Amino acid sequence: MTDFACKTLGLVNSQSSDAVLTFVDQAKFINQLNANTCIKAVFVTAALAQQLRADICSIIVDDPRWYFFTLQNVLTSLTPVIKSDIAASSVISPHAVVDDYGVVIEDDVIIEPLAVVRSGSHIQSGSVIRSGAIIGVDGFEHKRTTKGIVSVKHDGQVIIGKNCEVGANSNVARGFAYRHTILGENTKLDGLVHIAHGVQCGKGCLFAANAMIAGSVTLGNDIWIGPSVSVSNGLTIGDNAALTIGSVVTRDVEPGKTVTGNFAIEHQQFLKNLKRQMKDQ
């Protein structure tokens, strides 16, 4: 193995100005990895190493996944945190919990009773965190490896933009350093909404009660997420899209489109299918 220098960890799709160390343990990700010029080193098996780009440093191991996420946990535990910075004009209930380290709360933020704000959270001015909401908890990231399950520590942020609202008993999970969780300006969450780690949302989005957005979903601006909608991980939802009540979204949604159903399809096509089924009964 030749010498290498990487400044950050990341996945095969990471976009960074720094050199990235990643892992690969499945052949289906090789092409994506080779096309990503920010990746300079990889934990990889001997069999897959032969398929890597010539300038990538291969670190041959028996279980790349275990080595990568174990290193992630070690580095996260070594990351320094600074004392929380809370603006004097913010209003925080004495019955709320805000971590002493790693939190930034800007002007005119309201934190209601029983809300919890964990380290890694940055809440921008004018936002409201309703009762029982939890901001910045580690997301659901448990990796099966040949050496057992590795529960992955999160080292990124939750960034809640200006004039957002997080509804009662909602959960916004902390991201990783290579993909923070972001709610854009003027985005509003109803109660019981789950935003998983690495979700990045644009401005003015509305999430109705019981919506679930899985990890690393990218949402544009001015999107409507209806009650009890589920969005699978890693998808992209375009500007001004609408996901209607109960939709189970498993594919990208183009800008301006409305989708409905389980699995969700274009709304008008859903209605046509429904009418056809009713006629056949």
Protein backbone atom coordinates (compact mmCIF):
# COMPACT_ATOMS: atom_id res chain seq x y z
CA MET A 1 0.00 0.00 0.00
CA THR A 2 1.34 3.43 -0.92
CA ASP A 3 1.15 6.45 1.36
CA PHE A 4 -1.97 8.61 1.18
CA ALA A 5 -3.46 11.65 2.88
CA CYS A 6 -7.20 12.18 3.32
CA LYS A 7 -8.88 14.94 5.29
CA THR A 8 -12.36 13.46 5.62
CA LEU A 9 -14.43 10.29 5.50
CA GLY A 10 -17.28 9.95 3.05
CA LEU A 11 -19.40 7.57 1.02
CA VAL A 12 -18.87 6.74 -2.65
CA ASN A 13 -21.15 9.64 -3.68
CA SER A 14 -19.54 12.24 -1.39
CA GLN A 15 -18.77 15.62 -2.92
CA SER A 16 -15.93 17.38 -1.14
CA SER A 17 -13.13 19.80 -1.85
CA ASP A 18 -10.97 17.63 0.44
CA ALA A 19 -9.53 14.21 -0.29
CA VAL A 20 -11.99 11.51 0.85
CA LEU A 21 -11.43 8.08 2.40
CA THR A 22 -14.36 5.73 1.76
CA PHE A 23 -15.14 2.01 1.59
CA VAL A 24 -16.63 -0.36 -0.96
CA ASP A 25 -17.75 -3.93 -0.41
CA GLN A 26 -20.13 -4.43 -3.34
CA ALA A 27 -19.23 -4.47 -7.03
CA LYS A 28 -22.31 -2.43 -7.98
CA PHE A 29 -20.72 0.70 -6.44
CA ILE A 30 -17.39 0.45 -8.25
CA ASN A 31 -18.34 2.58 -11.28
CA GLN A 32 -19.75 5.35 -9.08
CA LEU A 33 -16.64 5.29 -6.91
CA ASN A 34 -14.25 5.42 -9.87
CA ALA A 35 -16.13 8.40 -11.32
CA ASN A 36 -15.79 10.38 -8.07
CA THR A 37 -12.49 12.25 -8.30
CA CYS A 38 -12.57 13.44 -4.67
CA ILE A 39 -12.06 9.87 -3.46
CA LYS A 40 -8.37 9.16 -2.89
CA ALA A 41 -8.37 6.07 -0.67
CA VAL A 42 -10.70 3.10 -0.10
CA PHE A 43 -11.13 0.29 2.37
CA VAL A 44 -11.70 -2.60 -0.03
CA THR A 45 -11.42 -6.36 -0.36
CA ALA A 46 -8.61 -7.84 -2.42
CA ALA A 47 -11.09 -9.06 -5.04
CA LEU A 48 -12.65 -5.63 -5.62
CA ALA A 49 -9.36 -3.72 -5.43
CA GLN A 50 -8.48 -4.86 -8.95
CA GLN A 51 -11.39 -2.83 -10.32
CA LEU A 52 -10.47 0.51 -8.77
CA ARG A 53 -9.13 3.59 -10.53
CA ALA A 54 -5.32 3.52 -10.75
CA ASP A 55 -4.78 6.65 -8.62
CA ILE A 56 -6.90 5.42 -5.70
CA CYS A 57 -5.04 4.01 -2.72
CA SER A 58 -6.47 0.58 -1.88
CA ILE A 59 -6.46 -0.42 1.80
CA ILE A 60 -7.00 -4.17 1.62
CA VAL A 61 -9.09 -5.51 4.52
CA ASP A 62 -11.39 -8.46 5.10
CA ASP A 63 -14.46 -6.33 5.96
CA PRO A 64 -14.33 -2.78 4.52
CA ARG A 65 -17.62 -1.82 6.10
CA TRP A 66 -16.45 -2.71 9.62
CA TYR A 67 -13.15 -0.85 9.25
CA PHE A 68 -14.75 2.29 7.80
CA PHE A 69 -17.49 2.70 10.40
CA THR A 70 -15.25 1.70 13.29
CA LEU A 71 -12.85 4.45 12.18
CA GLN A 72 -15.84 6.82 11.91
CA ASN A 73 -16.70 6.09 15.54
CA VAL A 74 -13.14 6.60 16.75
CA LEU A 75 -12.74 9.93 14.94
CA THR A 76 -16.15 11.13 16.14
CA SER A 77 -15.18 10.46 19.75
CA LEU A 78 -12.05 12.61 19.25
CA THR A 79 -13.85 15.57 17.66
CA PRO A 80 -13.73 18.60 19.99
CA VAL A 81 -16.95 20.48 20.79
CA ILE A 82 -17.30 24.04 21.96
CA LYS A 83 -19.59 25.48 24.60
CA SER A 84 -23.11 26.16 23.38
CA ASP A 85 -23.83 29.65 22.09
CA ILE A 86 -27.38 30.77 22.90
CA ALA A 87 -28.61 34.25 21.95
CA ALA A 88 -29.98 36.35 24.79
CA SER A 89 -33.18 37.08 22.83
CA SER A 90 -34.09 33.41 22.46
CA VAL A 91 -36.85 32.09 24.72
CA ILE A 92 -36.09 28.65 26.13
CA SER A 93 -38.52 26.96 28.51
CA PRO A 94 -36.97 25.92 31.82
CA HIS A 95 -38.53 22.53 31.10
CA ALA A 96 -36.63 22.13 27.82
CA VAL A 97 -33.22 20.45 27.54
CA VAL A 98 -30.38 22.08 25.58
CA ASP A 99 -26.94 20.46 25.61
CA ASP A 100 -24.22 22.55 27.22
CA TYR A 101 -21.82 21.92 24.33
CA GLY A 102 -22.14 21.95 20.55
CA VAL A 103 -25.40 23.89 20.18
CA VAL A 104 -25.94 27.25 18.46
CA ILE A 105 -29.27 29.04 18.96
CA GLU A 106 -29.66 32.39 17.22
CA ASP A 107 -31.88 35.40 17.98
CA ASP A 108 -35.61 35.10 18.72
CA VAL A 109 -35.74 31.31 18.72
CA ILE A 110 -38.47 29.73 20.86
CA ILE A 111 -37.88 26.35 22.52
CA GLU A 112 -41.06 25.03 24.17
CA PRO A 113 -41.37 22.78 27.24
CA LEU A 114 -40.03 19.22 26.98
CA ALA A 115 -38.21 19.90 23.71
CA VAL A 116 -34.66 18.51 23.50
CA VAL A 117 -31.82 20.10 21.53
CA ARG A 118 -28.70 17.95 21.31
CA SER A 119 -25.10 18.75 20.46
CA GLY A 120 -24.56 19.41 16.76
CA SER A 121 -27.73 21.48 16.39
CA HIS A 122 -27.72 24.97 14.86
CA ILE A 123 -31.09 26.72 15.04
CA GLN A 124 -31.25 29.97 13.10
CA SER A 125 -33.17 33.11 14.01
CA GLY A 126 -36.94 33.15 14.39
CA SER A 127 -37.44 29.39 14.46
CA VAL A 128 -39.78 27.55 16.85
CA ILE A 129 -39.21 24.12 18.37
CA ARG A 130 -42.52 22.83 19.76
CA SER A 131 -43.05 20.76 22.88
CA GLY A 132 -41.59 17.27 22.84
CA ALA A 133 -39.58 17.74 19.64
CA ILE A 134 -36.08 16.27 19.56
CA ILE A 135 -33.36 17.94 17.50
CA GLY A 136 -29.97 16.37 16.85
CA VAL A 137 -30.32 12.80 18.08
CA ASP A 138 -28.17 10.19 16.32
CA GLY A 139 -30.02 8.64 13.38
CA PHE A 140 -30.76 4.96 12.77
CA GLU A 141 -27.42 3.75 11.45
CA HIS A 142 -26.49 0.21 12.48
CA LYS A 143 -24.24 -1.73 10.12
CA ARG A 144 -24.18 -5.51 9.84
CA THR A 145 -20.60 -6.70 9.46
CA THR A 146 -18.75 -9.98 9.74
CA LYS A 147 -17.59 -8.80 13.17
CA GLY A 148 -21.07 -7.97 14.46
CA ILE A 149 -23.36 -4.93 14.29
CA VAL A 150 -21.60 -1.56 14.40
CA SER A 151 -23.76 1.29 15.71
CA VAL A 152 -22.46 4.39 13.98
CA LYS A 153 -21.88 7.64 15.86
CA HIS A 154 -22.99 10.82 14.11
CA ASP A 155 -20.56 13.73 13.82
CA GLY A 156 -22.50 16.15 11.61
CA GLN A 157 -25.06 18.83 12.27
CA VAL A 158 -28.74 19.62 12.18
CA ILE A 159 -29.09 23.05 10.58
CA ILE A 160 -32.55 24.56 10.97
CA GLY A 161 -32.96 27.65 8.83
CA LYS A 162 -34.56 30.96 9.67
CA ASN A 163 -38.25 31.06 10.64
CA CYS A 164 -38.71 27.30 10.60
CA GLU A 165 -41.07 25.38 12.86
CA VAL A 166 -40.60 21.87 14.19
CA GLY A 167 -43.89 20.48 15.45
CA ALA A 168 -44.64 18.73 18.72
CA ASN A 169 -43.01 15.33 19.20
CA SER A 170 -41.18 15.51 15.89
CA ASN A 171 -37.66 14.16 15.43
CA VAL A 172 -34.89 15.70 13.32
CA ALA A 173 -31.83 13.44 13.34
CA ARG A 174 -28.24 14.65 13.27
CA GLY A 175 -26.28 14.15 10.06
CA PHE A 176 -22.73 13.07 9.34
CA ALA A 177 -19.85 15.42 8.65
CA TYR A 178 -20.07 14.44 4.98
CA ARG A 179 -23.83 15.14 4.84
CA HIS A 180 -25.53 17.40 7.40
CA THR A 181 -29.28 17.41 8.02
CA ILE A 182 -30.74 20.71 6.76
CA LEU A 183 -34.18 22.32 6.93
CA GLY A 184 -34.36 25.36 4.68
CA GLU A 185 -35.74 28.76 5.61
CA ASN A 186 -39.49 28.95 6.34
CA THR A 187 -39.93 25.18 6.33
CA LYS A 188 -42.66 23.95 8.69
CA LEU A 189 -43.06 20.53 10.32
CA ASP A 190 -46.33 19.38 11.85
CA GLY A 191 -46.36 17.07 14.86
CA LEU A 192 -44.92 13.53 14.76
CA VAL A 193 -42.78 14.15 11.67
CA HIS A 194 -39.55 12.16 11.32
CA ILE A 195 -36.61 13.68 9.43
CA ALA A 196 -33.79 11.14 9.19
CA HIS A 197 -30.06 11.84 9.12
CA GLY A 198 -28.70 13.61 6.07
CA VAL A 199 -32.06 14.83 4.76
CA GLN A 200 -31.55 18.18 3.05
CA CYS A 201 -34.61 20.31 2.44
CA GLY A 202 -34.98 23.61 0.61
CA LYS A 203 -37.05 26.66 1.51
CA GLY A 204 -40.75 26.85 2.30
CA CYS A 205 -41.51 23.12 2.50
CA LEU A 206 -44.54 21.91 4.47
CA PHE A 207 -44.63 18.53 6.22
CA ALA A 208 -47.99 17.32 7.55
CA ALA A 209 -48.38 15.07 10.57
CA ASN A 210 -46.78 11.64 10.66
CA ALA A 211 -44.63 12.14 7.55
CA MET A 212 -41.43 10.06 7.44
CA ILE A 213 -38.46 11.13 5.32
CA ALA A 214 -35.72 8.48 5.24
CA GLY A 215 -31.99 9.16 5.21
CA SER A 216 -30.16 11.35 2.69
CA VAL A 217 -33.28 12.45 0.79
CA THR A 218 -32.84 15.75 -1.07
CA LEU A 219 -35.89 18.01 -1.28
CA GLY A 220 -36.17 21.22 -3.29
CA ASN A 221 -38.20 24.32 -2.44
CA ASP A 222 -41.92 24.77 -1.73
CA ILE A 223 -42.76 21.07 -1.51
CA TRP A 224 -45.94 19.70 0.08
CA ILE A 225 -45.58 16.48 2.07
CA GLY A 226 -49.01 15.17 3.04
CA PRO A 227 -50.08 13.31 6.19
CA SER A 228 -48.46 9.88 6.73
CA VAL A 229 -46.28 10.12 3.62
CA SER A 230 -43.19 7.85 3.55
CA VAL A 231 -40.20 8.71 1.37
CA SER A 232 -37.52 6.06 0.83
CA ASN A 233 -33.86 6.86 1.38
CA GLY A 234 -31.60 8.67 -1.06
CA LEU A 235 -34.34 10.05 -3.32
CA THR A 236 -34.63 13.52 -4.85
CA ILE A 237 -37.92 15.45 -4.70
CA GLY A 238 -38.04 18.43 -7.04
CA ASP A 239 -39.22 22.00 -6.43
CA ASN A 240 -42.98 22.51 -6.03
CA ALA A 241 -43.72 18.79 -5.95
CA ALA A 242 -46.64 17.46 -3.90
CA LEU A 243 -46.81 14.07 -2.20
CA THR A 244 -50.42 13.39 -1.27
CA ILE A 245 -51.79 11.73 1.86
CA GLY A 246 -50.39 8.29 2.59
CA SER A 247 -48.08 8.16 -0.42
CA VAL A 248 -45.19 5.69 -0.31
CA VAL A 249 -42.52 7.25 -2.49
CA THR A 250 -39.83 4.92 -3.85
CA ARG A 251 -38.66 6.89 -6.90
CA ASP A 252 -37.45 10.44 -7.56
CA VAL A 253 -40.23 13.00 -8.09
CA GLU A 254 -39.74 15.61 -10.80
CA PRO A 255 -40.29 19.32 -10.09
CA GLY A 256 -43.94 20.35 -10.09
CA LYS A 257 -45.28 16.79 -10.09
CA THR A 258 -47.98 15.46 -7.75
CA VAL A 259 -47.79 11.79 -6.79
CA THR A 260 -50.23 9.51 -4.97
CA GLY A 261 -50.48 5.94 -3.79
CA ASN A 262 -48.48 2.94 -2.62
CA PHE A 263 -46.15 2.80 -4.47
CA ALA A 264 -46.64 6.43 -5.49
CA ILE A 265 -47.29 7.30 -9.15
CA GLU A 266 -48.36 10.48 -10.94
CA HIS A 267 -51.62 11.68 -9.37
CA GLN A 268 -53.78 11.79 -12.51
CA GLN A 269 -52.62 8.31 -13.51
CA PHE A 270 -53.52 7.10 -10.03
CA LEU A 271 -57.05 8.49 -10.44
CA LYS A 272 -57.43 6.87 -13.87
CA ASN A 273 -56.33 3.52 -12.47
CA LEU A 274 -58.72 3.87 -9.54
CA LYS A 275 -61.69 4.68 -11.81
CA ARG A 276 -60.86 1.70 -14.02
CA GLN A 277 -60.73 -0.61 -11.02
CA MET A 278 -64.07 0.69 -9.75
CA LYS A 279 -65.71 0.01 -13.13
CA ASP A 280 -64.38 -3.53 -13.14
CA GLN A 281 -65.92 -4.35 -9.76
